[in-house]
């Protein structure tokens, strides 16, 4: 796969998912990147719901130049935060974070404001470096419901009973994961689960997300810290 195609399909994020961060440039991100993307929502509105400061969103300072303002904005010294990159690709707004997990994934459990609205579609790849395994979350458009799956599994694989999927969005995403090699049960030549390295799952998941949803992110801009930054408070 060429560098251009790797960028287009996000696979490079998976290839470097578990690299040591000491080996990456201090100006940007390469290792341990989680992604949250939403469409059907204004970019600023989505970032504000995640806890970003309006001034930071409007200023759009490049990540490599971003410095946290003096307390209490956007967070106090005691409040953990993630300094994140954001950008747009077509109708999608995406957030990239190289902390332990995606802020959205952690916040969903105690902040209803971050849950997708019925008019929104959302996909999240959270590496969960603090509490493996990595997870995929997906909210089909028109539902407001969130489905989750561990890396290596499909969204419908462990569903009980008949799943209400009238638009076929869940099934289509599962097929995309299977085609990318991100579903263990559909691998052409299954290997014992422990033999499949974590970065293989992450690479396959990211490739599926990029291809299926048409999300493209420039590797060069991410590694050089050229995308705008915001600080997102992490749940405590």
Protein backbone atom coordinates (compact mmCIF):
# COMPACT_ATOMS: atom_id res chain seq x y z
CA UNK A 1 0.00 0.00 0.00
CA UNK A 2 1.41 3.38 -0.96
CA UNK A 3 1.82 6.24 1.48
CA UNK A 4 -1.04 8.11 -0.20
CA UNK A 5 -3.47 5.19 0.14
CA UNK A 6 -2.39 4.57 3.72
CA UNK A 7 -3.22 8.19 4.55
CA UNK A 8 -6.56 8.00 2.75
CA UNK A 9 -7.72 4.96 4.66
CA UNK A 10 -6.29 5.91 8.07
CA UNK A 11 -4.34 2.65 8.31
CA UNK A 12 -1.17 4.41 9.49
CA UNK A 13 -2.92 5.33 12.74
CA UNK A 14 -3.36 1.65 13.47
CA UNK A 15 0.17 0.73 12.43
CA UNK A 16 1.56 3.13 15.02
CA UNK A 17 -1.21 2.67 17.61
CA UNK A 18 1.02 1.02 20.19
CA UNK A 19 4.38 2.59 19.37
CA UNK A 20 6.35 4.24 22.16
CA UNK A 21 5.44 7.93 22.17
CA UNK A 22 9.07 8.85 22.86
CA UNK A 23 9.78 8.08 19.23
CA UNK A 24 7.35 10.63 17.79
CA UNK A 25 7.96 14.25 16.99
CA UNK A 26 7.10 16.59 19.84
CA UNK A 27 5.32 18.94 17.45
CA UNK A 28 2.54 16.52 16.48
CA UNK A 29 1.07 13.04 16.91
CA UNK A 30 1.91 9.61 15.59
CA UNK A 31 1.55 6.96 18.31
CA UNK A 32 -1.55 6.01 20.26
CA UNK A 33 -4.12 8.02 18.29
CA UNK A 34 -7.83 7.59 19.01
CA UNK A 35 -10.41 9.13 16.67
CA UNK A 36 -13.95 10.41 17.12
CA UNK A 37 -15.87 11.67 14.07
CA UNK A 38 -19.39 13.02 13.70
CA UNK A 39 -21.47 14.36 10.85
CA UNK A 40 -24.82 16.11 10.92
CA UNK A 41 -23.55 18.55 13.55
CA UNK A 42 -21.84 21.90 13.42
CA UNK A 43 -18.13 21.44 14.14
CA UNK A 44 -18.01 24.10 16.85
CA UNK A 45 -21.14 22.76 18.53
CA UNK A 46 -19.67 19.26 18.71
CA UNK A 47 -16.39 20.47 20.20
CA UNK A 48 -18.21 22.59 22.78
CA UNK A 49 -20.30 19.58 23.81
CA UNK A 50 -17.05 17.70 24.38
CA UNK A 51 -15.93 20.48 26.71
CA UNK A 52 -13.69 22.64 24.52
CA UNK A 53 -13.42 26.37 25.27
CA UNK A 54 -15.17 28.51 22.65
CA UNK A 55 -12.16 30.83 22.40
CA UNK A 56 -9.87 27.90 21.51
CA UNK A 57 -12.27 26.60 18.88
CA UNK A 58 -12.55 30.04 17.28
CA UNK A 59 -8.80 30.75 17.47
CA UNK A 60 -7.90 27.43 15.74
CA UNK A 61 -4.25 27.62 16.87
CA UNK A 62 -2.13 24.85 15.30
CA UNK A 63 -1.41 21.96 17.67
CA UNK A 64 2.34 22.54 17.59
CA UNK A 65 1.85 26.15 18.75
CA UNK A 66 -0.98 25.56 21.21
CA UNK A 67 -0.46 26.46 24.87
CA UNK A 68 -3.07 26.06 27.58
CA UNK A 69 -4.39 29.40 28.81
CA UNK A 70 -3.97 30.33 32.43
CA UNK A 71 -6.45 28.64 34.80
CA UNK A 72 -9.39 28.43 35.16
CA UNK A 73 -9.92 28.34 31.38
CA UNK A 74 -10.37 25.79 29.91
CA UNK A 75 -9.44 23.54 32.82
CA UNK A 76 -7.96 23.89 36.27
CA UNK A 77 -4.54 22.38 37.09
CA UNK A 78 -6.27 19.56 39.00
CA UNK A 79 -8.53 18.70 36.06
CA UNK A 80 -7.07 16.12 33.64
CA UNK A 81 -7.37 17.10 30.02
CA UNK A 82 -6.51 15.96 26.52
CA UNK A 83 -4.91 18.43 24.12
CA UNK A 84 -6.49 17.26 20.89
CA UNK A 85 -6.41 18.04 17.19
CA UNK A 86 -9.56 18.61 15.19
CA UNK A 87 -10.44 19.01 11.55
CA UNK A 88 -13.06 18.36 8.91
CA UNK A 89 -13.33 15.99 5.96
CA UNK A 90 -16.39 16.66 3.85
CA UNK A 91 -19.37 16.54 6.22
CA UNK A 92 -17.35 14.92 9.00
CA UNK A 93 -15.76 16.69 11.97
CA UNK A 94 -13.03 14.59 13.58
CA UNK A 95 -11.08 14.78 16.83
CA UNK A 96 -7.68 13.09 17.24
CA UNK A 97 -6.16 12.34 20.66
CA UNK A 98 -2.98 10.54 21.68
CA UNK A 99 -3.91 10.05 25.33
CA UNK A 100 -5.12 6.75 26.79
CA UNK A 101 -8.54 6.81 25.15
CA UNK A 102 -10.96 9.00 23.20
CA UNK A 103 -12.50 11.70 25.39
CA UNK A 104 -15.94 10.95 23.93
CA UNK A 105 -15.65 7.26 24.84
CA UNK A 106 -14.91 8.10 28.48
CA UNK A 107 -17.41 10.96 28.73
CA UNK A 108 -20.39 9.04 27.34
CA UNK A 109 -20.88 7.20 30.64
CA UNK A 110 -21.65 10.29 32.72
CA UNK A 111 -22.32 13.15 30.29
CA UNK A 112 -25.53 12.76 28.25
CA UNK A 113 -24.63 15.91 26.33
CA UNK A 114 -21.96 14.07 24.30
CA UNK A 115 -24.31 11.33 23.13
CA UNK A 116 -25.18 11.59 19.43
CA UNK A 117 -28.45 13.25 18.54
CA UNK A 118 -30.84 11.45 16.16
CA UNK A 119 -29.79 13.67 13.25
CA UNK A 120 -26.11 12.85 13.78
CA UNK A 121 -23.93 9.94 12.69
CA UNK A 122 -20.88 9.16 14.81
CA UNK A 123 -18.00 6.72 14.79
CA UNK A 124 -15.31 6.41 17.47
CA UNK A 125 -12.13 4.33 17.61
CA UNK A 126 -10.83 4.38 21.19
CA UNK A 127 -7.57 2.52 21.82
CA UNK A 128 -8.24 2.32 25.59
CA UNK A 129 -4.57 2.02 26.45
CA UNK A 130 -5.52 2.23 30.13
CA UNK A 131 -8.04 -0.62 29.95
CA UNK A 132 -7.75 -2.90 26.93
CA UNK A 133 -9.23 -3.89 24.56
CA UNK A 134 -9.64 -1.13 22.03
CA UNK A 135 -13.26 -0.38 21.20
CA UNK A 136 -15.32 0.74 18.22
CA UNK A 137 -18.48 2.78 18.81
CA UNK A 138 -20.98 3.66 16.10
CA UNK A 139 -24.23 5.61 16.06
CA UNK A 140 -26.19 5.22 12.79
CA UNK A 141 -27.91 8.34 11.44
CA UNK A 142 -31.51 8.84 12.46
CA UNK A 143 -31.27 6.76 15.65
CA UNK A 144 -29.34 8.42 18.48
CA UNK A 145 -28.37 4.89 19.58
CA UNK A 146 -24.75 3.81 20.14
CA UNK A 147 -23.42 0.33 19.36
CA UNK A 148 -20.02 -0.85 20.54
CA UNK A 149 -17.66 -3.73 19.76
CA UNK A 150 -14.20 -4.79 20.82
CA UNK A 151 -11.44 -4.81 18.23
CA UNK A 152 -11.75 -8.05 16.28
CA UNK A 153 -15.54 -8.30 16.62
CA UNK A 154 -18.55 -6.94 14.75
CA UNK A 155 -21.27 -4.67 16.07
CA UNK A 156 -23.97 -7.30 15.51
CA UNK A 157 -21.90 -10.34 16.40
CA UNK A 158 -23.02 -10.64 20.02
CA UNK A 159 -26.48 -9.12 19.63
CA UNK A 160 -29.36 -10.90 21.35
CA UNK A 161 -32.51 -11.51 19.35
CA UNK A 162 -33.53 -9.59 16.27
CA UNK A 163 -31.70 -6.30 15.75
CA UNK A 164 -33.65 -3.27 14.56
CA UNK A 165 -31.48 -2.17 11.63
CA UNK A 166 -34.00 -0.95 9.00
CA UNK A 167 -31.46 1.17 7.13
CA UNK A 168 -28.85 -1.60 7.11
CA UNK A 169 -26.19 0.80 8.45
CA UNK A 170 -25.03 -1.59 11.18
CA UNK A 171 -24.79 -4.53 8.81
CA UNK A 172 -22.96 -2.42 6.24
CA UNK A 173 -20.37 -1.31 8.80
CA UNK A 174 -19.87 -4.90 9.93
CA UNK A 175 -19.28 -5.90 6.30
CA UNK A 176 -16.72 -3.12 5.96
CA UNK A 177 -14.93 -4.36 9.09
CA UNK A 178 -14.95 -7.91 7.72
CA UNK A 179 -13.55 -6.84 4.33
CA UNK A 180 -10.73 -4.97 6.06
CA UNK A 181 -9.82 -8.03 8.16
CA UNK A 182 -11.09 -6.46 11.38
CA UNK A 183 -13.48 -9.29 12.35
CA UNK A 184 -11.93 -12.47 13.70
CA UNK A 185 -14.94 -14.64 12.87
CA UNK A 186 -14.70 -13.71 9.17
CA UNK A 187 -10.96 -14.02 8.57
CA UNK A 188 -10.20 -16.24 5.58
CA UNK A 189 -7.60 -18.20 7.51
CA UNK A 190 -8.33 -17.74 11.21
CA UNK A 191 -5.32 -17.76 13.51
CA UNK A 192 -5.46 -18.26 17.26
CA UNK A 193 -6.61 -14.95 18.73
CA UNK A 194 -3.47 -14.44 20.88
CA UNK A 195 -1.30 -14.65 17.75
CA UNK A 196 -2.89 -11.57 16.20
CA UNK A 197 -0.99 -8.50 17.31
CA UNK A 198 -2.86 -5.51 18.71
CA UNK A 199 -1.62 -3.22 15.94
CA UNK A 200 -3.07 -5.60 13.33
CA UNK A 201 -6.55 -5.14 14.78
CA UNK A 202 -6.08 -1.37 15.06
CA UNK A 203 -4.82 -1.08 11.48
CA UNK A 204 -7.72 -3.12 10.11
CA UNK A 205 -10.26 -1.10 12.12
CA UNK A 206 -8.86 2.23 10.98
CA UNK A 207 -8.71 1.07 7.38
CA UNK A 208 -12.37 -0.01 7.56
CA UNK A 209 -13.47 3.30 9.11
CA UNK A 210 -11.62 5.35 6.50
CA UNK A 211 -12.94 3.39 3.55
CA UNK A 212 -16.51 2.93 4.74
CA UNK A 213 -17.15 6.49 5.91
CA UNK A 214 -14.85 8.27 3.47
CA UNK A 215 -12.81 9.90 6.23
CA UNK A 216 -9.36 11.03 5.13
CA UNK A 217 -6.79 12.68 7.41
CA UNK A 218 -3.38 13.92 6.28
CA UNK A 219 -0.64 12.00 8.04
CA UNK A 220 1.85 14.81 7.39
CA UNK A 221 -0.40 17.45 8.96
CA UNK A 222 -0.97 15.27 12.04
CA UNK A 223 2.69 14.40 12.55
CA UNK A 224 3.77 18.02 12.06
CA UNK A 225 1.04 19.37 14.36
CA UNK A 226 -0.52 21.60 11.70
CA UNK A 227 -4.17 20.90 12.58
CA UNK A 228 -5.91 23.20 15.10
CA UNK A 229 -5.96 22.19 18.76
CA UNK A 230 -8.31 22.33 21.73
CA UNK A 231 -8.09 21.08 25.30
CA UNK A 232 -10.83 18.60 26.25
CA UNK A 233 -11.45 17.92 29.96
CA UNK A 234 -11.34 14.24 30.80
CA UNK A 235 -13.89 12.61 33.11
CA UNK A 236 -12.61 12.08 36.65
